[in-house]
Amino acid sequence: GDQSHQTTNLGTNLEPSEEERIVELLKRNADLFAWHPKGIPGIDEGIITHKLSLSPNAKPVSQRKRKLGDERRKAVDEE
């Protein structure tokens, strides 16, 4: 996009030539991206908006840390 917050991410395992082709394609078609609901008239905003139903009286609870098996821990460490 034209502004600094209008970005998209590409995978890290792409070949440089493949990445170049994708970036060029995205730049050529930048006008197809909708950065705001106003950019896609005719589609109800309720369909494209994600809302969480939270009770204002609920207390936040931290999720318990999960223990990983040896194989998974090694994979996470490598990653």
PDB file of N, CA and C in Angstrom:
ATOM      1  N   GLY A   1       0.810  -1.192   0.000  1.00  0.00           N
ATOM      2  CA  GLY A   1       0.000   0.000   0.000  1.00  0.00           C
ATOM      3  C   GLY A   1       0.853   1.256   0.000  1.00  0.00           C
ATOM      4  N   ASP A   2       0.192   2.390  -0.064  1.00  0.00           N
ATOM      5  CA  ASP A   2       0.877   3.675  -0.089  1.00  0.00           C
ATOM      6  C   ASP A   2       1.361   4.117   1.283  1.00  0.00           C
ATOM      7  N   GLN A   3       0.746   3.594   2.336  1.00  0.00           N
ATOM      8  CA  GLN A   3       1.096   4.008   3.687  1.00  0.00           C
ATOM      9  C   GLN A   3       1.891   2.909   4.391  1.00  0.00           C
ATOM     10  N   SER A   4       2.642   3.299   5.422  1.00  0.00           N
ATOM     11  CA  SER A   4       3.560   2.358   6.077  1.00  0.00           C
ATOM     12  C   SER A   4       2.854   1.192   6.760  1.00  0.00           C
ATOM     13  N   HIS A   5       1.603   1.370   7.197  1.00  0.00           N
ATOM     14  CA  HIS A   5       0.897   0.279   7.872  1.00  0.00           C
ATOM     15  C   HIS A   5       0.229  -0.684   6.890  1.00  0.00           C
ATOM     16  N   GLN A   6       0.239  -0.369   5.623  1.00  0.00           N
ATOM     17  CA  GLN A   6      -0.395  -1.224   4.620  1.00  0.00           C
ATOM     18  C   GLN A   6       0.650  -2.217   4.097  1.00  0.00           C
ATOM     19  N   THR A   7       0.813  -3.298   4.856  1.00  0.00           N
ATOM     20  CA  THR A   7       1.832  -4.289   4.506  1.00  0.00           C
ATOM     21  C   THR A   7       1.211  -5.675   4.446  1.00  0.00           C
ATOM     22  N   THR A   8       1.947  -6.589   3.878  1.00  0.00           N
ATOM     23  CA  THR A   8       1.590  -7.997   3.891  1.00  0.00           C
ATOM     24  C   THR A   8       2.876  -8.780   4.093  1.00  0.00           C
ATOM     25  N   ASN A   9       2.782 -10.003   4.563  1.00  0.00           N
ATOM     26  CA  ASN A   9       3.969 -10.809   4.853  1.00  0.00           C
ATOM     27  C   ASN A   9       4.081 -11.957   3.865  1.00  0.00           C
ATOM     28  N   LEU A  10       5.316 -12.283   3.534  1.00  0.00           N
ATOM     29  CA  LEU A  10       5.591 -13.433   2.674  1.00  0.00           C
ATOM     30  C   LEU A  10       6.327 -14.476   3.489  1.00  0.00           C
ATOM     31  N   GLY A  11       6.237 -15.728   3.054  1.00  0.00           N
ATOM     32  CA  GLY A  11       6.939 -16.809   3.730  1.00  0.00           C
ATOM     33  C   GLY A  11       8.445 -16.623   3.672  1.00  0.00           C
ATOM     34  N   THR A  12       9.129 -17.166   4.652  1.00  0.00           N
ATOM     35  CA  THR A  12      10.582 -17.010   4.716  1.00  0.00           C
ATOM     36  C   THR A  12      11.325 -18.069   3.914  1.00  0.00           C
ATOM     37  N   ASN A  13      10.615 -19.083   3.448  1.00  0.00           N
ATOM     38  CA  ASN A  13      11.271 -20.169   2.724  1.00  0.00           C
ATOM     39  C   ASN A  13      11.198 -19.998   1.209  1.00  0.00           C
ATOM     40  N   LEU A  14      10.958 -18.780   0.751  1.00  0.00           N
ATOM     41  CA  LEU A  14      10.843 -18.551  -0.686  1.00  0.00           C
ATOM     42  C   LEU A  14      12.214 -18.379  -1.316  1.00  0.00           C
ATOM     43  N   GLU A  15      12.329 -18.863  -2.532  1.00  0.00           N
ATOM     44  CA  GLU A  15      13.529 -18.587  -3.321  1.00  0.00           C
ATOM     45  C   GLU A  15      13.514 -17.103  -3.672  1.00  0.00           C
ATOM     46  N   PRO A  16      14.674 -16.449  -3.777  1.00  0.00           N
ATOM     47  CA  PRO A  16      14.707 -15.020  -4.105  1.00  0.00           C
ATOM     48  C   PRO A  16      13.950 -14.670  -5.391  1.00  0.00           C
ATOM     49  N   SER A  17      14.067 -15.501  -6.411  1.00  0.00           N
ATOM     50  CA  SER A  17      13.370 -15.213  -7.673  1.00  0.00           C
ATOM     51  C   SER A  17      11.859 -15.323  -7.488  1.00  0.00           C
ATOM     52  N   GLU A  18      11.434 -16.296  -6.690  1.00  0.00           N
ATOM     53  CA  GLU A  18      10.015 -16.481  -6.413  1.00  0.00           C
ATOM     54  C   GLU A  18       9.469 -15.291  -5.619  1.00  0.00           C
ATOM     55  N   GLU A  19      10.232 -14.838  -4.649  1.00  0.00           N
ATOM     56  CA  GLU A  19       9.832 -13.680  -3.847  1.00  0.00           C
ATOM     57  C   GLU A  19       9.697 -12.436  -4.729  1.00  0.00           C
ATOM     58  N   GLU A  20      10.652 -12.231  -5.622  1.00  0.00           N
ATOM     59  CA  GLU A  20      10.595 -11.083  -6.547  1.00  0.00           C
ATOM     60  C   GLU A  20       9.325 -11.109  -7.386  1.00  0.00           C
ATOM     61  N   ARG A  21       8.976 -12.286  -7.908  1.00  0.00           N
ATOM     62  CA  ARG A  21       7.774 -12.408  -8.744  1.00  0.00           C
ATOM     63  C   ARG A  21       6.519 -12.086  -7.942  1.00  0.00           C
ATOM     64  N   ILE A  22       6.456 -12.570  -6.713  1.00  0.00           N
ATOM     65  CA  ILE A  22       5.279 -12.325  -5.878  1.00  0.00           C
ATOM     66  C   ILE A  22       5.176 -10.838  -5.522  1.00  0.00           C
ATOM     67  N   VAL A  23       6.292 -10.221  -5.142  1.00  0.00           N
ATOM     68  CA  VAL A  23       6.294  -8.796  -4.795  1.00  0.00           C
ATOM     69  C   VAL A  23       5.853  -7.972  -5.993  1.00  0.00           C
ATOM     70  N   GLU A  24       6.359  -8.277  -7.160  1.00  0.00           N
ATOM     71  CA  GLU A  24       5.975  -7.553  -8.378  1.00  0.00           C
ATOM     72  C   GLU A  24       4.478  -7.719  -8.651  1.00  0.00           C
ATOM     73  N   LEU A  25       3.972  -8.925  -8.509  1.00  0.00           N
ATOM     74  CA  LEU A  25       2.544  -9.189  -8.715  1.00  0.00           C
ATOM     75  C   LEU A  25       1.694  -8.387  -7.730  1.00  0.00           C
ATOM     76  N   LEU A  26       2.108  -8.358  -6.469  1.00  0.00           N
ATOM     77  CA  LEU A  26       1.361  -7.612  -5.456  1.00  0.00           C
ATOM     78  C   LEU A  26       1.385  -6.113  -5.744  1.00  0.00           C
ATOM     79  N   LYS A  27       2.528  -5.601  -6.162  1.00  0.00           N
ATOM     80  CA  LYS A  27       2.623  -4.173  -6.483  1.00  0.00           C
ATOM     81  C   LYS A  27       1.743  -3.814  -7.677  1.00  0.00           C
ATOM     82  N   ARG A  28       1.734  -4.679  -8.705  1.00  0.00           N
ATOM     83  CA  ARG A  28       0.903  -4.420  -9.892  1.00  0.00           C
ATOM     84  C   ARG A  28      -0.575  -4.435  -9.548  1.00  0.00           C
ATOM     85  N   ASN A  29      -0.957  -5.224  -8.551  1.00  0.00           N
ATOM     86  CA  ASN A  29      -2.365  -5.393  -8.201  1.00  0.00           C
ATOM     87  C   ASN A  29      -2.725  -4.743  -6.867  1.00  0.00           C
ATOM     88  N   ALA A  30      -1.953  -3.754  -6.423  1.00  0.00           N
ATOM     89  CA  ALA A  30      -2.195  -3.104  -5.132  1.00  0.00           C
ATOM     90  C   ALA A  30      -3.581  -2.489  -5.057  1.00  0.00           C
ATOM     91  N   ASP A  31      -4.131  -2.090  -6.197  1.00  0.00           N
ATOM     92  CA  ASP A  31      -5.458  -1.474  -6.199  1.00  0.00           C
ATOM     93  C   ASP A  31      -6.566  -2.479  -5.874  1.00  0.00           C
ATOM     94  N   LEU A  32      -6.256  -3.761  -5.836  1.00  0.00           N
ATOM     95  CA  LEU A  32      -7.255  -4.781  -5.526  1.00  0.00           C
ATOM     96  C   LEU A  32      -7.427  -5.008  -4.026  1.00  0.00           C
ATOM     97  N   PHE A  33      -6.496  -4.500  -3.218  1.00  0.00           N
ATOM     98  CA  PHE A  33      -6.560  -4.688  -1.773  1.00  0.00           C
ATOM     99  C   PHE A  33      -7.496  -3.670  -1.149  1.00  0.00           C
ATOM    100  N   ALA A  34      -8.273  -4.101  -0.176  1.00  0.00           N
ATOM    101  CA  ALA A  34      -9.144  -3.207   0.586  1.00  0.00           C
ATOM    102  C   ALA A  34      -8.551  -3.083   1.983  1.00  0.00           C
ATOM    103  N   TRP A  35      -8.106  -1.877   2.340  1.00  0.00           N
ATOM    104  CA  TRP A  35      -7.485  -1.660   3.636  1.00  0.00           C
ATOM    105  C   TRP A  35      -8.496  -1.259   4.691  1.00  0.00           C
ATOM    106  N   HIS A  36      -9.700  -0.868   4.256  1.00  0.00           N
ATOM    107  CA  HIS A  36     -10.775  -0.459   5.161  1.00  0.00           C
ATOM    108  C   HIS A  36     -12.086  -0.998   4.621  1.00  0.00           C
ATOM    109  N   PRO A  37     -13.093  -1.178   5.469  1.00  0.00           N
ATOM    110  CA  PRO A  37     -14.398  -1.643   4.988  1.00  0.00           C
ATOM    111  C   PRO A  37     -14.988  -0.754   3.889  1.00  0.00           C
ATOM    112  N   LYS A  38     -14.642   0.543   3.916  1.00  0.00           N
ATOM    113  CA  LYS A  38     -15.138   1.454   2.869  1.00  0.00           C
ATOM    114  C   LYS A  38     -14.633   1.033   1.490  1.00  0.00           C
ATOM    115  N   GLY A  39     -13.513   0.325   1.468  1.00  0.00           N
ATOM    116  CA  GLY A  39     -12.907  -0.086   0.205  1.00  0.00           C
ATOM    117  C   GLY A  39     -13.631  -1.238  -0.476  1.00  0.00           C
ATOM    118  N   ILE A  40     -14.604  -1.841   0.200  1.00  0.00           N
ATOM    119  CA  ILE A  40     -15.362  -2.939  -0.393  1.00  0.00           C
ATOM    120  C   ILE A  40     -16.856  -2.685  -0.221  1.00  0.00           C
ATOM    121  N   PRO A  41     -17.370  -1.729  -0.969  1.00  0.00           N
ATOM    122  CA  PRO A  41     -18.791  -1.411  -0.842  1.00  0.00           C
ATOM    123  C   PRO A  41     -19.653  -2.606  -1.255  1.00  0.00           C
ATOM    124  N   GLY A  42     -20.812  -2.708  -0.636  1.00  0.00           N
ATOM    125  CA  GLY A  42     -21.737  -3.788  -0.967  1.00  0.00           C
ATOM    126  C   GLY A  42     -21.609  -4.995  -0.068  1.00  0.00           C
ATOM    127  N   ILE A  43     -20.565  -5.052   0.766  1.00  0.00           N
ATOM    128  CA  ILE A  43     -20.399  -6.166   1.695  1.00  0.00           C
ATOM    129  C   ILE A  43     -20.684  -5.645   3.090  1.00  0.00           C
ATOM    130  N   ASP A  44     -21.604  -6.278   3.794  1.00  0.00           N
ATOM    131  CA  ASP A  44     -21.999  -5.865   5.138  1.00  0.00           C
ATOM    132  C   ASP A  44     -20.792  -5.923   6.069  1.00  0.00           C
ATOM    133  N   GLU A  45     -20.557  -4.845   6.799  1.00  0.00           N
ATOM    134  CA  GLU A  45     -19.406  -4.779   7.697  1.00  0.00           C
ATOM    135  C   GLU A  45     -19.474  -5.854   8.777  1.00  0.00           C
ATOM    136  N   GLY A  46     -20.681  -6.302   9.134  1.00  0.00           N
ATOM    137  CA  GLY A  46     -20.836  -7.362  10.126  1.00  0.00           C
ATOM    138  C   GLY A  46     -20.216  -8.680   9.683  1.00  0.00           C
ATOM    139  N   ILE A  47     -20.115  -8.880   8.392  1.00  0.00           N
ATOM    140  CA  ILE A  47     -19.530 -10.116   7.862  1.00  0.00           C
ATOM    141  C   ILE A  47     -18.013 -10.086   7.959  1.00  0.00           C
ATOM    142  N   ILE A  48     -17.427  -8.916   7.770  1.00  0.00           N
ATOM    143  CA  ILE A  48     -15.964  -8.827   7.715  1.00  0.00           C
ATOM    144  C   ILE A  48     -15.338  -8.340   9.016  1.00  0.00           C
ATOM    145  N   THR A  49     -16.142  -8.141  10.070  1.00  0.00           N
ATOM    146  CA  THR A  49     -15.639  -7.640  11.342  1.00  0.00           C
ATOM    147  C   THR A  49     -15.642  -8.759  12.374  1.00  0.00           C
ATOM    148  N   HIS A  50     -14.513  -8.924  13.034  1.00  0.00           N
ATOM    149  CA  HIS A  50     -14.383  -9.940  14.078  1.00  0.00           C
ATOM    150  C   HIS A  50     -14.630  -9.277  15.426  1.00  0.00           C
ATOM    151  N   LYS A  51     -15.545  -9.814  16.199  1.00  0.00           N
ATOM    152  CA  LYS A  51     -15.851  -9.259  17.518  1.00  0.00           C
ATOM    153  C   LYS A  51     -15.794 -10.367  18.553  1.00  0.00           C
ATOM    154  N   LEU A  52     -15.233 -10.057  19.700  1.00  0.00           N
ATOM    155  CA  LEU A  52     -15.188 -11.001  20.813  1.00  0.00           C
ATOM    156  C   LEU A  52     -16.253 -10.614  21.817  1.00  0.00           C
ATOM    157  N   SER A  53     -17.026 -11.581  22.258  1.00  0.00           N
ATOM    158  CA  SER A  53     -18.046 -11.333  23.277  1.00  0.00           C
ATOM    159  C   SER A  53     -17.425 -11.556  24.644  1.00  0.00           C
ATOM    160  N   LEU A  54     -17.083 -10.465  25.306  1.00  0.00           N
ATOM    161  CA  LEU A  54     -16.457 -10.550  26.615  1.00  0.00           C
ATOM    162  C   LEU A  54     -17.355  -9.901  27.655  1.00  0.00           C
ATOM    163  N   SER A  55     -17.455 -10.542  28.790  1.00  0.00           N
ATOM    164  CA  SER A  55     -18.218  -9.984  29.888  1.00  0.00           C
ATOM    165  C   SER A  55     -17.349  -8.949  30.599  1.00  0.00           C
ATOM    166  N   PRO A  56     -17.877  -7.745  30.837  1.00  0.00           N
ATOM    167  CA  PRO A  56     -17.080  -6.737  31.543  1.00  0.00           C
ATOM    168  C   PRO A  56     -16.801  -7.131  33.001  1.00  0.00           C
ATOM    169  N   ASN A  57     -17.545  -8.095  33.525  1.00  0.00           N
ATOM    170  CA  ASN A  57     -17.353  -8.537  34.911  1.00  0.00           C
ATOM    171  C   ASN A  57     -16.362  -9.689  35.036  1.00  0.00           C
ATOM    172  N   ALA A  58     -15.928 -10.253  33.926  1.00  0.00           N
ATOM    173  CA  ALA A  58     -15.028 -11.406  33.961  1.00  0.00           C
ATOM    174  C   ALA A  58     -13.616 -10.969  34.322  1.00  0.00           C
ATOM    175  N   LYS A  59     -12.955 -11.777  35.148  1.00  0.00           N
ATOM    176  CA  LYS A  59     -11.569 -11.501  35.523  1.00  0.00           C
ATOM    177  C   LYS A  59     -10.639 -12.192  34.526  1.00  0.00           C
ATOM    178  N   PRO A  60      -9.557 -11.536  34.120  1.00  0.00           N
ATOM    179  CA  PRO A  60      -8.618 -12.184  33.198  1.00  0.00           C
ATOM    180  C   PRO A  60      -7.915 -13.353  33.885  1.00  0.00           C
ATOM    181  N   VAL A  61      -7.745 -14.426  33.154  1.00  0.00           N
ATOM    182  CA  VAL A  61      -7.095 -15.627  33.689  1.00  0.00           C
ATOM    183  C   VAL A  61      -5.946 -16.002  32.774  1.00  0.00           C
ATOM    184  N   SER A  62      -4.776 -16.212  33.334  1.00  0.00           N
ATOM    185  CA  SER A  62      -3.631 -16.645  32.545  1.00  0.00           C
ATOM    186  C   SER A  62      -3.752 -18.120  32.231  1.00  0.00           C
ATOM    187  N   GLN A  63      -3.463 -18.463  30.988  1.00  0.00           N
ATOM    188  CA  GLN A  63      -3.525 -19.859  30.591  1.00  0.00           C
ATOM    189  C   GLN A  63      -2.279 -20.577  31.120  1.00  0.00           C
ATOM    190  N   ARG A  64      -2.468 -21.791  31.609  1.00  0.00           N
ATOM    191  CA  ARG A  64      -1.355 -22.574  32.135  1.00  0.00           C
ATOM    192  C   ARG A  64      -0.373 -22.919  31.017  1.00  0.00           C
ATOM    193  N   LYS A  65       0.899 -22.807  31.298  1.00  0.00           N
ATOM    194  CA  LYS A  65       1.920 -23.134  30.312  1.00  0.00           C
ATOM    195  C   LYS A  65       1.915 -24.634  30.054  1.00  0.00           C
ATOM    196  N   ARG A  66       1.920 -24.989  28.785  1.00  0.00           N
ATOM    197  CA  ARG A  66       1.901 -26.410  28.423  1.00  0.00           C
ATOM    198  C   ARG A  66       3.316 -26.954  28.359  1.00  0.00           C
ATOM    199  N   LYS A  67       3.457 -28.195  28.785  1.00  0.00           N
ATOM    200  CA  LYS A  67       4.757 -28.850  28.687  1.00  0.00           C
ATOM    201  C   LYS A  67       4.823 -29.580  27.349  1.00  0.00           C
ATOM    202  N   LEU A  68       5.938 -29.424  26.670  1.00  0.00           N
ATOM    203  CA  LEU A  68       6.123 -30.074  25.373  1.00  0.00           C
ATOM    204  C   LEU A  68       6.919 -31.351  25.541  1.00  0.00           C
ATOM    205  N   GLY A  69       6.637 -32.316  24.683  1.00  0.00           N
ATOM    206  CA  GLY A  69       7.434 -33.536  24.669  1.00  0.00           C
ATOM    207  C   GLY A  69       8.817 -33.239  24.110  1.00  0.00           C
ATOM    208  N   ASP A  70       9.727 -34.193  24.233  1.00  0.00           N
ATOM    209  CA  ASP A  70      11.114 -33.990  23.786  1.00  0.00           C
ATOM    210  C   ASP A  70      11.200 -33.607  22.314  1.00  0.00           C
ATOM    211  N   GLU A  71      10.470 -34.318  21.460  1.00  0.00           N
ATOM    212  CA  GLU A  71      10.538 -34.036  20.018  1.00  0.00           C
ATOM    213  C   GLU A  71      10.044 -32.633  19.698  1.00  0.00           C
ATOM    214  N   ARG A  72       8.926 -32.268  20.286  1.00  0.00           N
ATOM    215  CA  ARG A  72       8.365 -30.937  20.022  1.00  0.00           C
ATOM    216  C   ARG A  72       9.279 -29.842  20.558  1.00  0.00           C
ATOM    217  N   ARG A  73       9.847 -30.055  21.729  1.00  0.00           N
ATOM    218  CA  ARG A  73      10.737 -29.057  22.312  1.00  0.00           C
ATOM    219  C   ARG A  73      11.950 -28.838  21.411  1.00  0.00           C
ATOM    220  N   LYS A  74      12.515 -29.940  20.883  1.00  0.00           N
ATOM    221  CA  LYS A  74      13.653 -29.827  19.978  1.00  0.00           C
ATOM    222  C   LYS A  74      13.268 -29.071  18.716  1.00  0.00           C
ATOM    223  N   ALA A  75      12.089 -29.355  18.171  1.00  0.00           N
ATOM    224  CA  ALA A  75      11.623 -28.674  16.959  1.00  0.00           C
ATOM    225  C   ALA A  75      11.441 -27.176  17.227  1.00  0.00           C
ATOM    226  N   VAL A  76      10.890 -26.824  18.380  1.00  0.00           N
ATOM    227  CA  VAL A  76      10.697 -25.422  18.740  1.00  0.00           C
ATOM    228  C   VAL A  76      12.044 -24.733  18.904  1.00  0.00           C
ATOM    229  N   ASP A  77      12.991 -25.405  19.573  1.00  0.00           N
ATOM    230  CA  ASP A  77      14.325 -24.828  19.770  1.00  0.00           C
ATOM    231  C   ASP A  77      15.017 -24.591  18.433  1.00  0.00           C
ATOM    232  N   GLU A  78      14.887 -25.549  17.509  1.00  0.00           N
ATOM    233  CA  GLU A  78      15.501 -25.392  16.189  1.00  0.00           C
ATOM    234  C   GLU A  78      14.876 -24.245  15.403  1.00  0.00           C
ATOM    235  N   GLU A  79      13.554 -24.121  15.546  1.00  0.00           N
ATOM    236  CA  GLU A  79      12.840 -23.074  14.821  1.00  0.00           C
ATOM    237  C   GLU A  79      13.203 -21.709  15.370  1.00  0.00           C
TER     238      GLU A  79
END
